[in-house]
Amino acid sequence: MKKTILAAGAIALFASVGFANAAEVTGRIKALDEADHLVTLSNGHQYNLVSDPGEPNLTSILDGFHVGERVQIIHNGSSATGISALN
């Protein structure tokens, strides 16, 4: 029982560390590579958007976005988990 509680606590700790490392960046799209799911912002940083493994990737994650559009990207280093358009 004690080992189960310790294991559950360790899992919760590591899961929270992953969320704590997530960051947000805002910028304008400089380039898009829909085939490789890459977006480059005007500041030169490039992010690889990863899709949810539970959902089939029927269309590109970047479908509907265009160069010059202002976006917010949620990322952990160069891997991004989300992108949204800003007004």
Protein backbone atom coordinates (compact mmCIF):
# COMPACT_ATOMS: atom_id res chain seq x y z
CA MET A 1 0.00 0.00 0.00
CA LYS A 2 2.79 2.38 0.94
CA LYS A 3 4.62 1.68 -2.35
CA THR A 4 1.43 2.38 -4.33
CA ILE A 5 0.98 5.74 -2.64
CA LEU A 6 4.64 6.64 -3.26
CA ALA A 7 4.39 5.61 -6.91
CA ALA A 8 1.22 7.65 -7.41
CA GLY A 9 2.89 10.66 -5.78
CA ALA A 10 5.94 10.33 -8.02
CA ILE A 11 3.77 10.12 -11.14
CA ALA A 12 1.83 13.21 -10.08
CA LEU A 13 5.08 15.09 -9.43
CA PHE A 14 6.55 14.24 -12.84
CA ALA A 15 3.29 15.13 -14.60
CA SER A 16 3.21 18.53 -12.93
CA VAL A 17 6.82 19.20 -13.92
CA GLY A 18 5.88 18.64 -17.58
CA PHE A 19 3.12 21.21 -17.34
CA ALA A 20 5.36 23.66 -15.51
CA ASN A 21 7.85 23.63 -18.39
CA ALA A 22 5.24 24.58 -20.99
CA ALA A 23 5.62 28.14 -22.23
CA GLU A 24 3.72 30.47 -24.52
CA VAL A 25 5.09 32.67 -27.27
CA THR A 26 3.30 35.21 -29.42
CA GLY A 27 4.44 36.32 -32.86
CA ARG A 28 3.75 36.56 -36.57
CA ILE A 29 4.15 33.58 -38.87
CA LYS A 30 7.12 33.99 -41.20
CA ALA A 31 6.96 30.55 -42.85
CA LEU A 32 4.82 27.40 -42.77
CA ASP A 33 5.71 23.83 -43.67
CA GLU A 34 2.41 21.94 -43.45
CA ALA A 35 3.94 18.62 -44.51
CA ASP A 36 6.37 18.60 -41.57
CA HIS A 37 4.09 20.61 -39.22
CA LEU A 38 6.70 23.36 -38.80
CA VAL A 39 5.96 27.01 -38.18
CA THR A 40 8.63 29.72 -38.18
CA LEU A 41 7.88 32.99 -36.43
CA SER A 42 9.19 36.40 -37.44
CA ASN A 43 11.71 36.23 -34.57
CA GLY A 44 13.32 33.23 -36.31
CA HIS A 45 12.22 30.59 -33.81
CA GLN A 46 10.85 27.42 -35.35
CA TYR A 47 8.32 25.09 -33.72
CA ASN A 48 7.29 21.56 -34.62
CA LEU A 49 3.61 21.10 -33.83
CA VAL A 50 2.76 17.65 -32.57
CA SER A 51 -0.76 16.29 -32.89
CA ASP A 52 -2.72 14.48 -30.22
CA PRO A 53 -1.79 10.79 -30.58
CA GLY A 54 -5.41 9.83 -29.86
CA GLU A 55 -6.76 11.72 -32.85
CA PRO A 56 -6.21 10.79 -36.49
CA ASN A 57 -4.28 13.45 -38.40
CA LEU A 58 -6.68 13.87 -41.33
CA THR A 59 -5.58 17.45 -42.06
CA SER A 60 -2.50 19.44 -41.29
CA ILE A 61 -2.39 21.02 -37.84
CA LEU A 62 -1.46 24.24 -39.61
CA ASP A 63 -4.39 24.14 -42.04
CA GLY A 64 -6.08 27.54 -42.02
CA PHE A 65 -3.05 29.50 -40.80
CA HIS A 66 -1.17 31.82 -43.15
CA VAL A 67 2.07 33.82 -43.36
CA GLY A 68 1.79 37.15 -41.58
CA GLU A 69 -0.88 35.95 -39.16
CA ARG A 70 -0.37 36.75 -35.47
CA VAL A 71 -0.45 33.56 -33.37
CA GLN A 72 0.16 32.22 -29.91
CA ILE A 73 2.08 28.96 -29.60
CA ILE A 74 2.21 26.73 -26.53
CA HIS A 75 5.54 24.93 -26.54
CA ASN A 76 8.15 23.03 -24.61
CA GLY A 77 11.38 23.95 -26.37
CA SER A 78 11.04 23.37 -30.09
CA SER A 79 8.02 21.05 -29.74
CA ALA A 80 4.67 22.82 -29.72
CA THR A 81 1.41 21.36 -28.49
CA GLY A 82 -0.92 24.13 -29.57
CA ILE A 83 -1.33 27.12 -31.87
CA SER A 84 -4.10 29.70 -31.95
CA ALA A 85 -4.77 32.78 -34.04
CA LEU A 86 -4.81 36.17 -32.33
CA ASN A 87 -6.64 39.29 -33.47
